Protein backbone atom coordinates (compact mmCIF):
# COMPACT_ATOMS: atom_id res chain seq x y z
CA MET A 1 47.89 10.92 11.19
CA ASN A 2 47.52 14.34 12.76
CA PRO A 3 50.79 14.97 14.73
CA SER A 4 49.05 16.52 17.73
CA THR A 5 46.62 13.59 17.88
CA LEU A 6 49.54 11.15 17.77
CA ILE A 7 51.29 13.02 20.60
CA GLY A 8 48.08 12.98 22.62
CA MET A 9 47.64 9.24 22.11
CA VAL A 10 51.23 8.55 23.17
CA ALA A 11 50.80 10.77 26.24
CA SER A 12 47.56 8.95 27.11
CA VAL A 13 49.25 5.56 26.90
CA ALA A 14 52.10 6.87 29.05
CA LEU A 15 49.62 8.18 31.61
CA MET A 16 47.85 4.83 31.80
CA ALA A 17 51.19 3.06 32.17
CA VAL A 18 52.11 5.31 35.10
CA ILE A 19 48.73 4.71 36.72
CA LEU A 20 48.94 0.94 36.33
CA LEU A 21 52.60 0.52 37.26
CA PHE A 22 52.96 3.05 40.08
CA GLY A 23 49.39 3.67 41.22
CA SER A 24 48.74 0.17 42.51
CA ASP A 25 50.58 -2.88 43.78
CA LYS A 26 48.27 -4.96 41.59
CA PRO A 27 47.76 -3.39 38.13
CA GLY A 28 45.10 -5.98 37.42
CA ASN A 29 42.86 -4.20 39.91
CA PHE A 30 42.33 -1.47 37.30
CA LEU A 31 40.86 -3.93 34.83
CA ASP A 32 37.25 -4.80 35.51
CA LEU A 33 35.19 -5.88 32.51
CA PRO A 34 31.74 -5.45 34.13
CA SER A 35 32.64 -1.86 35.04
CA ILE A 36 33.77 -1.16 31.48
CA ALA A 37 30.54 -2.66 30.17
CA ILE A 38 28.44 -0.47 32.48
CA VAL A 39 30.18 2.77 31.44
CA LEU A 40 30.51 2.08 27.72
CA GLY A 41 27.18 0.31 27.39
CA GLY A 42 25.31 2.95 29.33
CA THR A 43 26.94 5.80 27.42
CA LEU A 44 26.13 4.24 24.05
CA ALA A 45 22.58 3.39 25.11
CA ALA A 46 21.91 6.95 26.27
CA THR A 47 23.47 8.33 23.09
CA PHE A 48 21.23 6.16 20.90
CA LEU A 49 18.23 7.37 22.89
CA SER A 50 19.30 10.99 22.43
CA TYR A 51 20.19 11.03 18.72
CA PRO A 52 18.84 9.56 15.47
CA LEU A 53 20.56 6.38 14.33
CA ARG A 54 22.22 7.99 11.29
CA GLU A 55 23.92 10.60 13.48
CA VAL A 56 25.25 8.07 16.00
CA LEU A 57 26.61 5.87 13.20
CA ARG A 58 28.69 8.84 12.01
CA VAL A 59 30.80 8.56 15.16
CA VAL A 60 33.34 6.26 13.48
CA LYS A 61 33.72 8.64 10.53
CA LEU A 62 34.11 11.62 12.86
CA VAL A 63 36.83 9.87 14.84
CA SER A 64 38.66 9.23 11.57
CA HIS A 65 38.56 13.00 10.92
CA VAL A 66 40.33 13.54 14.24
CA LEU A 67 42.99 10.95 13.47
CA ARG A 68 43.54 12.17 9.92
CA GLU A 69 45.53 15.32 9.25
CA ASP A 70 43.27 17.66 7.26
CA LYS A 71 45.32 19.83 4.96
CA LEU A 72 43.44 23.09 4.44
CA ASP A 73 45.80 24.94 2.12
CA SER A 74 44.51 28.51 1.98
CA ARG A 75 47.41 29.60 -0.23
CA HIS A 76 46.47 27.06 -2.89
CA ASP A 77 42.85 28.25 -2.89
CA ILE A 78 43.97 31.88 -3.09
CA GLU A 79 46.16 31.18 -6.12
CA GLU A 80 43.39 29.20 -7.84
CA LEU A 81 40.89 31.99 -7.24
CA VAL A 82 43.32 34.66 -8.44
CA ALA A 83 44.12 32.67 -11.60
CA LEU A 84 40.42 32.26 -12.37
CA SER A 85 39.85 35.94 -11.70
CA LYS A 86 42.59 36.88 -14.19
CA LEU A 87 40.92 34.84 -16.90
CA TRP A 88 37.54 36.33 -15.99
CA VAL A 89 38.84 39.91 -16.16
CA GLN A 90 40.35 39.13 -19.56
CA GLY A 91 36.94 37.97 -20.75
CA ASP A 92 38.12 34.46 -21.66
CA LEU A 93 35.03 32.53 -20.59
CA GLN A 94 36.11 29.23 -22.17
CA ALA A 95 39.46 29.34 -20.36
CA VAL A 96 37.67 30.01 -17.06
CA GLU A 97 35.37 27.01 -17.55
CA LYS A 98 38.29 24.81 -18.54
CA ALA A 99 40.35 25.85 -15.50
CA LEU A 100 37.31 25.47 -13.25
CA ALA A 101 37.15 21.76 -14.06
CA TYR A 102 40.46 21.27 -12.22
CA VAL A 103 39.44 23.11 -9.06
CA THR A 104 39.23 20.63 -6.17
CA ASN A 105 37.49 22.85 -3.60
CA PRO A 106 33.72 22.41 -4.20
CA PHE A 107 32.82 25.64 -2.38
CA LEU A 108 35.20 27.66 -4.55
CA ARG A 109 34.03 25.86 -7.68
CA THR A 110 30.38 26.62 -6.91
CA GLY A 111 31.08 30.30 -6.31
CA VAL A 112 33.06 30.78 -9.53
CA GLN A 113 30.47 28.84 -11.53
CA LEU A 114 27.76 31.18 -10.29
CA VAL A 115 29.88 34.18 -11.30
CA ILE A 116 30.42 32.95 -14.86
CA ASP A 117 26.70 32.14 -15.09
CA ARG A 118 26.08 35.87 -14.52
CA THR A 119 24.18 35.27 -11.28
CA PRO A 120 23.57 38.55 -9.40
CA GLU A 121 26.16 39.17 -6.68
CA GLU A 122 23.56 39.37 -3.89
CA GLU A 123 22.18 35.94 -4.80
CA ILE A 124 25.67 34.45 -4.92
CA ILE A 125 26.55 35.87 -1.50
CA ASP A 126 23.24 34.68 -0.02
CA LEU A 127 23.76 31.13 -1.32
CA LEU A 128 27.37 30.89 -0.16
CA GLN A 129 26.53 32.34 3.25
CA TRP A 130 23.73 29.77 3.57
CA ARG A 131 26.23 26.98 2.83
CA ILE A 132 28.62 28.38 5.44
CA ALA A 133 25.84 28.54 8.03
CA HIS A 134 24.73 25.01 7.14
CA LEU A 135 28.25 23.65 7.60
CA ARG A 136 28.62 25.46 10.93
CA GLN A 137 25.32 24.05 12.19
CA ARG A 138 26.02 20.49 11.04
CA GLU A 139 29.56 20.27 12.36
CA SER A 140 28.69 21.98 15.64
CA ALA A 141 26.04 19.30 16.16
CA GLU A 142 28.65 16.61 15.44
CA ALA A 143 31.02 18.01 18.06
CA GLN A 144 28.12 18.37 20.50
CA LEU A 145 27.43 14.64 20.17
CA PHE A 146 30.81 13.89 21.75
CA ARG A 147 30.24 16.49 24.46
CA VAL A 148 26.99 14.75 25.31
CA MET A 149 28.81 11.41 25.49
CA ALA A 150 31.37 13.07 27.77
CA SER A 151 28.54 14.06 30.12
CA TYR A 152 27.01 10.58 30.09
CA ALA A 153 30.21 8.60 30.82
CA PRO A 154 30.84 9.93 34.38
CA ALA A 155 27.14 9.54 35.18
CA PHE A 156 27.21 5.86 34.31
CA GLY A 157 30.51 5.55 36.15
CA MET A 158 28.67 6.80 39.22
CA LEU A 159 25.86 4.33 38.53
CA GLY A 160 28.39 1.50 38.59
CA THR A 161 29.77 2.86 41.83
CA LEU A 162 26.29 2.87 43.40
CA LEU A 163 25.74 -0.73 42.32
CA GLY A 164 29.09 -1.68 43.86
CA LEU A 165 28.21 0.08 47.11
CA ILE A 166 24.92 -1.81 47.28
CA ASN A 167 26.86 -5.07 47.04
CA LEU A 168 29.26 -3.70 49.63
CA MET A 169 26.45 -3.18 52.12
CA ASP A 170 25.68 -6.90 51.96
CA LEU A 171 29.21 -7.64 53.14
CA VAL A 172 29.39 -5.14 55.99
CA GLY A 173 27.69 -7.43 58.43
CA SER A 174 30.04 -10.32 57.70
CA GLY A 175 33.08 -8.42 58.97
CA ASN A 176 35.21 -9.78 56.11
CA MET A 177 37.46 -6.76 55.59
CA ALA A 178 39.25 -8.30 52.61
CA ALA A 179 35.99 -8.83 50.72
CA ILE A 180 34.75 -5.37 51.73
CA GLY A 181 37.95 -3.76 50.46
CA SER A 182 37.71 -5.68 47.19
CA GLN A 183 34.10 -4.63 46.60
CA LEU A 184 34.92 -1.01 47.44
CA ALA A 185 37.71 -1.00 44.86
CA ILE A 186 35.37 -2.43 42.22
CA ALA A 187 32.72 0.14 43.14
CA LEU A 188 35.14 3.02 42.60
CA ILE A 189 36.72 1.73 39.39
CA THR A 190 33.60 2.49 37.34
CA THR A 191 33.85 6.17 38.29
CA PHE A 192 37.49 6.02 37.20
CA TYR A 193 36.47 4.64 33.80
CA GLY A 194 33.76 7.26 33.39
CA VAL A 195 36.06 10.19 34.16
CA LEU A 196 38.80 8.74 31.96
CA LEU A 197 36.55 8.24 28.93
CA ALA A 198 34.98 11.68 29.29
CA ASN A 199 38.19 13.68 29.67
CA LEU A 200 40.68 11.65 27.67
CA ILE A 201 38.53 10.58 24.71
CA PHE A 202 35.13 12.25 24.26
CA LYS A 203 35.94 15.86 25.20
CA PRO A 204 39.25 15.99 23.26
CA ILE A 205 37.48 14.66 20.16
CA ALA A 206 34.79 17.35 20.53
CA VAL A 207 37.40 20.11 20.86
CA LYS A 208 39.31 18.76 17.85
CA LEU A 209 36.16 18.76 15.72
CA GLU A 210 35.30 22.30 16.83
CA ARG A 211 38.77 23.50 15.92
CA ARG A 212 38.49 21.81 12.53
CA THR A 213 35.16 23.55 11.91
CA GLU A 214 36.66 26.91 12.86
CA GLN A 215 39.46 26.49 10.32
CA ARG A 216 37.06 25.42 7.57
CA LEU A 217 34.80 28.41 8.23
CA VAL A 218 37.72 30.81 7.95
CA LEU A 219 38.70 29.27 4.62
CA MET A 220 35.12 29.45 3.31
CA ASN A 221 34.72 33.08 4.38
CA MET A 222 38.00 33.91 2.67
CA ILE A 223 36.71 32.33 -0.54
CA LEU A 224 33.43 34.20 -0.14
CA GLU A 225 35.35 37.48 0.01
CA GLY A 226 37.29 36.52 -3.13
CA ILE A 227 34.11 35.61 -5.02
CA SER A 228 32.59 38.96 -4.02
CA MET A 229 35.65 40.77 -5.39
CA MET A 230 35.50 38.72 -8.57
CA CYS A 231 31.84 39.70 -9.06
CA VAL A 232 32.67 43.41 -9.06
CA GLY A 233 35.75 42.96 -11.25
CA ARG A 234 38.47 43.79 -8.73
CA SER A 235 42.09 43.50 -9.76
CA PRO A 236 43.50 39.94 -9.30
CA SER A 237 46.56 41.44 -7.60
CA LEU A 238 44.36 43.32 -5.15
CA MET A 239 42.39 40.13 -4.57
CA ARG A 240 45.55 38.18 -3.74
CA GLU A 241 46.77 40.74 -1.20
CA THR A 242 43.32 41.13 0.35
CA LEU A 243 42.86 37.39 0.84
CA LYS A 244 46.37 36.99 2.23
CA ALA A 245 45.60 39.76 4.72
CA PHE A 246 42.31 38.02 5.55
CA VAL A 247 44.13 34.84 6.56
CA ALA A 248 46.92 36.73 8.34
CA GLN A 249 44.38 38.70 10.38
CA TYR A 250 42.74 35.44 11.42
CA ASP A 251 46.10 34.06 12.56
CA ASP A 252 46.84 37.20 14.55
CA GLU A 253 43.44 37.33 16.25
CA ILE A 254 43.11 33.62 17.02
CA ASN A 255 46.57 32.11 17.38
CA ASP A 256 48.47 35.07 18.85
CA ALA A 257 45.71 36.54 20.98
CA ARG A 258 46.49 37.13 24.65
CA PRO A 259 44.21 38.11 27.50
CA VAL A 260 44.06 41.83 28.19
CA GLY A 261 46.56 42.86 30.87
CA LYS A 262 48.57 39.63 30.64
CA GLY A 263 52.07 40.64 29.62
CA LYS A 264 53.34 42.60 26.66
């Protein structure tokens, strides 16, 4: 499991424990099955209305991506690309094809295969850039699905609250303060569920998927640069240093970036 996801899950459980144990004299007050059904059921219903069935059914698979630790080893891809480039520069086509069979990255394998097939560089770049754009579009839409669910959950939480307040109005005339207080608590708990689901489940999953896409795009663009260098016959050593600098520059600009004027 992804370590940060595990830490987040543990922190979420701890937060819920604090809410239940210290936020109320009766922890059972925070458990209301009809309210959960309203929020979850309404969110799922609206999501099915908004998206095609095949996209909604991918939710389970996408959640598994968040839980699983994706190992994007740029160094391994660099060394594979450099090794293939060495064989290509030496003119050993059979060795290149044999080594290519053991390459696990399909994007890298496609690019090198196009090179050894003598495909013009411009056509190779166009095809690989199209695949990068396609991946960005598809995975951005997947993350957006969870952002949409995050917008629906609080809305249906408010719907449950409105239903509870309608029931509450029926009790106002009776003067039964205990029943009124109980109905008010039930009315508010649906909003609690909606906010909790949106900000502790749906939005974090969306951010995690977006971050995963960002890392995959950097890796694919790095490979694209290496394929371009291989097409024009650049030195394998130069390729290695260039691709290492490519990844290092990404780390500097993304991970170590600080707002302008904020410290030195």
